[in-house]
Amino acid sequence: MPNPKRRHSQQRSAKRRTHYKATAPTLSVDPETGETHVRHRAHVHEGKLYYKGKVVADPAPSKA
């Protein structure tokens, strides 16, 4: 497998990495609960799991 004969300069490496930027996650407000959450992710509010404004999982103990 071919290997580089000479080392790449720091400037050359930095030019390649100029577009690697950290971006802030997009946040949304749930219409049902008013909770701020990351978009396209389920979130917990008062012990219930919500997704798209609907309860997906309610861990209430079942009475048997």
C-alpha atoms as a PDB file:
ATOM      1  CA  MET A   1       0.000   0.000   0.000  1.00  0.00           C
ATOM      2  CA  PRO A   2       1.483   3.398  -0.896  1.00  0.00           C
ATOM      3  CA  ASN A   3       2.615   5.711   1.879  1.00  0.00           C
ATOM      4  CA  PRO A   4       3.315   9.451   1.690  1.00  0.00           C
ATOM      5  CA  LYS A   5       6.964  10.280   1.080  1.00  0.00           C
ATOM      6  CA  ARG A   6       6.768  13.580   2.943  1.00  0.00           C
ATOM      7  CA  ARG A   7       4.655  14.781   5.811  1.00  0.00           C
ATOM      8  CA  HIS A   8       1.741  17.171   5.182  1.00  0.00           C
ATOM      9  CA  SER A   9       2.157  20.617   6.698  1.00  0.00           C
ATOM     10  CA  GLN A  10      -0.013  21.852   9.566  1.00  0.00           C
ATOM     11  CA  GLN A  11      -1.458  24.539   7.293  1.00  0.00           C
ATOM     12  CA  ARG A  12      -2.570  21.942   4.764  1.00  0.00           C
ATOM     13  CA  SER A  13      -4.272  19.889   7.473  1.00  0.00           C
ATOM     14  CA  ALA A  14      -5.948  23.015   8.886  1.00  0.00           C
ATOM     15  CA  LYS A  15      -7.308  23.955   5.447  1.00  0.00           C
ATOM     16  CA  ARG A  16      -8.967  20.552   5.196  1.00  0.00           C
ATOM     17  CA  ARG A  17     -10.521  20.902   8.659  1.00  0.00           C
ATOM     18  CA  THR A  18     -11.977  24.411   8.247  1.00  0.00           C
ATOM     19  CA  HIS A  19     -15.492  23.086   7.720  1.00  0.00           C
ATOM     20  CA  TYR A  20     -15.562  20.842  10.817  1.00  0.00           C
ATOM     21  CA  LYS A  21     -17.684  23.064  13.027  1.00  0.00           C
ATOM     22  CA  ALA A  22     -19.761  22.286  16.068  1.00  0.00           C
ATOM     23  CA  THR A  23     -23.407  23.290  15.613  1.00  0.00           C
ATOM     24  CA  ALA A  24     -25.984  23.861  18.306  1.00  0.00           C
ATOM     25  CA  PRO A  25     -28.828  21.315  18.307  1.00  0.00           C
ATOM     26  CA  THR A  26     -32.205  22.488  17.000  1.00  0.00           C
ATOM     27  CA  LEU A  27     -34.731  22.825  19.799  1.00  0.00           C
ATOM     28  CA  SER A  28     -38.519  22.665  19.699  1.00  0.00           C
ATOM     29  CA  VAL A  29     -41.324  23.302  22.150  1.00  0.00           C
ATOM     30  CA  ASP A  30     -43.776  20.466  22.702  1.00  0.00           C
ATOM     31  CA  PRO A  31     -47.321  21.762  22.083  1.00  0.00           C
ATOM     32  CA  GLU A  32     -48.807  19.414  24.697  1.00  0.00           C
ATOM     33  CA  THR A  33     -46.466  20.050  27.635  1.00  0.00           C
ATOM     34  CA  GLY A  34     -44.621  23.254  26.724  1.00  0.00           C
ATOM     35  CA  GLU A  35     -41.346  21.419  27.329  1.00  0.00           C
ATOM     36  CA  THR A  36     -38.277  22.429  25.266  1.00  0.00           C
ATOM     37  CA  HIS A  37     -36.576  19.400  23.713  1.00  0.00           C
ATOM     38  CA  VAL A  38     -34.245  18.353  20.900  1.00  0.00           C
ATOM     39  CA  ARG A  39     -36.123  17.885  17.624  1.00  0.00           C
ATOM     40  CA  HIS A  40     -36.994  14.351  16.477  1.00  0.00           C
ATOM     41  CA  ARG A  41     -36.231  12.916  19.915  1.00  0.00           C
ATOM     42  CA  ALA A  42     -38.549  11.584  22.593  1.00  0.00           C
ATOM     43  CA  HIS A  43     -38.430  13.436  25.913  1.00  0.00           C
ATOM     44  CA  VAL A  44     -39.599  12.756  29.469  1.00  0.00           C
ATOM     45  CA  HIS A  45     -42.015  15.098  31.218  1.00  0.00           C
ATOM     46  CA  GLU A  46     -43.474  14.269  34.635  1.00  0.00           C
ATOM     47  CA  GLY A  47     -42.477  10.623  34.304  1.00  0.00           C
ATOM     48  CA  LYS A  48     -44.114  10.111  30.892  1.00  0.00           C
ATOM     49  CA  LEU A  49     -42.320   9.709  27.586  1.00  0.00           C
ATOM     50  CA  TYR A  50     -43.566  12.078  24.860  1.00  0.00           C
ATOM     51  CA  TYR A  51     -42.919  12.106  21.108  1.00  0.00           C
ATOM     52  CA  LYS A  52     -44.617  14.491  18.647  1.00  0.00           C
ATOM     53  CA  GLY A  53     -46.918  15.764  21.408  1.00  0.00           C
ATOM     54  CA  LYS A  54     -48.280  12.313  22.266  1.00  0.00           C
ATOM     55  CA  VAL A  55     -47.607  10.010  25.214  1.00  0.00           C
ATOM     56  CA  VAL A  56     -45.553   7.094  23.916  1.00  0.00           C
ATOM     57  CA  ALA A  57     -44.820   5.329  27.203  1.00  0.00           C
ATOM     58  CA  ASP A  58     -46.469   5.749  30.586  1.00  0.00           C
ATOM     59  CA  PRO A  59     -44.669   3.721  33.245  1.00  0.00           C
ATOM     60  CA  ALA A  60     -47.668   3.786  35.604  1.00  0.00           C
ATOM     61  CA  PRO A  61     -47.775   0.596  37.675  1.00  0.00           C
ATOM     62  CA  SER A  62     -50.540  -1.728  36.570  1.00  0.00           C
ATOM     63  CA  LYS A  63     -52.898  -2.954  39.269  1.00  0.00           C
ATOM     64  CA  ALA A  64     -53.235  -6.691  39.039  1.00  0.00           C
END
